[in-house]
C-alpha atoms as a PDB file:
ATOM      1  CA  UNK A   1       0.000   0.000   0.000  1.00  0.00           C
ATOM      2  CA  UNK A   2       1.303   3.449  -0.936  1.00  0.00           C
ATOM      3  CA  UNK A   3       1.637   5.887   1.920  1.00  0.00           C
ATOM      4  CA  UNK A   4      -0.219   9.127   1.169  1.00  0.00           C
ATOM      5  CA  UNK A   5       1.044  12.436   2.517  1.00  0.00           C
ATOM      6  CA  UNK A   6      -0.528  15.870   2.646  1.00  0.00           C
ATOM      7  CA  UNK A   7       0.633  18.773   0.515  1.00  0.00           C
ATOM      8  CA  UNK A   8      -0.324  22.374   1.200  1.00  0.00           C
ATOM      9  CA  UNK A   9      -0.458  24.870  -1.647  1.00  0.00           C
ATOM     10  CA  UNK A  10      -1.580  28.465  -1.928  1.00  0.00           C
ATOM     11  CA  UNK A  11      -3.624  29.599  -4.913  1.00  0.00           C
ATOM     12  CA  UNK A  12      -5.575  32.690  -5.869  1.00  0.00           C
ATOM     13  CA  UNK A  13      -9.196  32.611  -4.727  1.00  0.00           C
ATOM     14  CA  UNK A  14     -10.415  32.751  -8.350  1.00  0.00           C
ATOM     15  CA  UNK A  15      -8.361  29.689  -9.248  1.00  0.00           C
ATOM     16  CA  UNK A  16      -9.712  27.774  -6.267  1.00  0.00           C
ATOM     17  CA  UNK A  17     -13.301  28.718  -7.138  1.00  0.00           C
ATOM     18  CA  UNK A  18     -12.901  27.568 -10.758  1.00  0.00           C
ATOM     19  CA  UNK A  19     -11.080  24.416  -9.658  1.00  0.00           C
ATOM     20  CA  UNK A  20     -14.024  23.529  -7.418  1.00  0.00           C
ATOM     21  CA  UNK A  21     -16.402  23.888 -10.374  1.00  0.00           C
ATOM     22  CA  UNK A  22     -14.191  21.704 -12.567  1.00  0.00           C
ATOM     23  CA  UNK A  23     -13.822  19.121  -9.813  1.00  0.00           C
ATOM     24  CA  UNK A  24     -17.585  18.999  -9.281  1.00  0.00           C
ATOM     25  CA  UNK A  25     -18.185  18.480 -13.024  1.00  0.00           C
ATOM     26  CA  UNK A  26     -15.669  15.625 -12.984  1.00  0.00           C
ATOM     27  CA  UNK A  27     -17.073  14.076  -9.832  1.00  0.00           C
ATOM     28  CA  UNK A  28     -13.931  14.550  -7.783  1.00  0.00           C
ATOM     29  CA  UNK A  29     -12.362  17.008  -5.373  1.00  0.00           C
ATOM     30  CA  UNK A  30      -9.835  19.766  -5.933  1.00  0.00           C
ATOM     31  CA  UNK A  31      -7.353  17.555  -4.119  1.00  0.00           C
ATOM     32  CA  UNK A  32      -8.185  14.739  -6.525  1.00  0.00           C
ATOM     33  CA  UNK A  33      -7.672  17.043  -9.514  1.00  0.00           C
ATOM     34  CA  UNK A  34      -4.289  18.165  -8.227  1.00  0.00           C
ATOM     35  CA  UNK A  35      -3.215  14.620  -7.403  1.00  0.00           C
ATOM     36  CA  UNK A  36      -4.209  13.348 -10.855  1.00  0.00           C
ATOM     37  CA  UNK A  37      -2.448  16.175 -12.686  1.00  0.00           C
ATOM     38  CA  UNK A  38       0.730  15.784 -10.631  1.00  0.00           C
ATOM     39  CA  UNK A  39       0.724  12.022 -11.214  1.00  0.00           C
ATOM     40  CA  UNK A  40       0.418  12.631 -14.979  1.00  0.00           C
ATOM     41  CA  UNK A  41       3.235  15.174 -14.848  1.00  0.00           C
ATOM     42  CA  UNK A  42       5.525  12.815 -12.941  1.00  0.00           C
ATOM     43  CA  UNK A  43       4.820   9.913 -15.329  1.00  0.00           C
ATOM     44  CA  UNK A  44       5.353  12.098 -18.413  1.00  0.00           C
ATOM     45  CA  UNK A  45       8.630  13.418 -17.031  1.00  0.00           C
ATOM     46  CA  UNK A  46       9.815   9.889 -16.258  1.00  0.00           C
ATOM     47  CA  UNK A  47       8.972   8.792 -19.845  1.00  0.00           C
ATOM     48  CA  UNK A  48      10.844  11.799 -21.227  1.00  0.00           C
ATOM     49  CA  UNK A  49      13.924  11.066 -19.101  1.00  0.00           C
ATOM     50  CA  UNK A  50      13.945   7.405 -20.174  1.00  0.00           C
ATOM     51  CA  UNK A  51      13.685   8.415 -23.838  1.00  0.00           C
ATOM     52  CA  UNK A  52      16.379  11.066 -23.441  1.00  0.00           C
ATOM     53  CA  UNK A  53      18.722   8.579 -21.775  1.00  0.00           C
ATOM     54  CA  UNK A  54      18.027   5.950 -24.454  1.00  0.00           C
ATOM     55  CA  UNK A  55      18.762   8.454 -27.233  1.00  0.00           C
ATOM     56  CA  UNK A  56      21.952   9.502 -25.478  1.00  0.00           C
ATOM     57  CA  UNK A  57      23.028   5.882 -25.078  1.00  0.00           C
ATOM     58  CA  UNK A  58      22.265   5.100 -28.725  1.00  0.00           C
ATOM     59  CA  UNK A  59      24.276   8.097 -29.936  1.00  0.00           C
ATOM     60  CA  UNK A  60      27.146   7.268 -27.605  1.00  0.00           C
ATOM     61  CA  UNK A  61      27.244   3.623 -28.689  1.00  0.00           C
ATOM     62  CA  UNK A  62      26.818   4.299 -32.413  1.00  0.00           C
ATOM     63  CA  UNK A  63      29.710   3.400 -34.651  1.00  0.00           C
ATOM     64  CA  UNK A  64      31.471   6.200 -36.424  1.00  0.00           C
ATOM     65  CA  UNK A  65      30.437   6.451 -40.036  1.00  0.00           C
ATOM     66  CA  UNK A  66      33.633   8.271 -40.956  1.00  0.00           C
ATOM     67  CA  UNK A  67      31.693  11.411 -41.618  1.00  0.00           C
ATOM     68  CA  UNK A  68      33.343  14.700 -42.220  1.00  0.00           C
ATOM     69  CA  UNK A  69      33.315  17.401 -39.619  1.00  0.00           C
ATOM     70  CA  UNK A  70      32.377  20.801 -40.905  1.00  0.00           C
ATOM     71  CA  UNK A  71      33.461  24.244 -39.818  1.00  0.00           C
ATOM     72  CA  UNK A  72      30.898  27.010 -39.673  1.00  0.00           C
ATOM     73  CA  UNK A  73      32.678  29.141 -42.266  1.00  0.00           C
ATOM     74  CA  UNK A  74      32.743  26.209 -44.708  1.00  0.00           C
ATOM     75  CA  UNK A  75      29.007  25.736 -44.436  1.00  0.00           C
ATOM     76  CA  UNK A  76      28.309  29.389 -45.168  1.00  0.00           C
ATOM     77  CA  UNK A  77      30.623  29.846 -48.126  1.00  0.00           C
ATOM     78  CA  UNK A  78      28.958  31.217 -51.268  1.00  0.00           C
END
């Protein structure tokens, strides 16, 4: 079982009022809305980090193709 902990945040009164309306339409609480959005954010960030690390690893492990390195001035010559 996951241990749940409390989190206190401060928001503008208008944001809280609108969040309560949204939560009511969705059949949840403001706390539930915040929890769901934070969970999505954490999962998306974890997916991004895994993809970033995989891309880094693939580039690092790739064999050299003997390509030429270019200098900026060479690329911009007439």
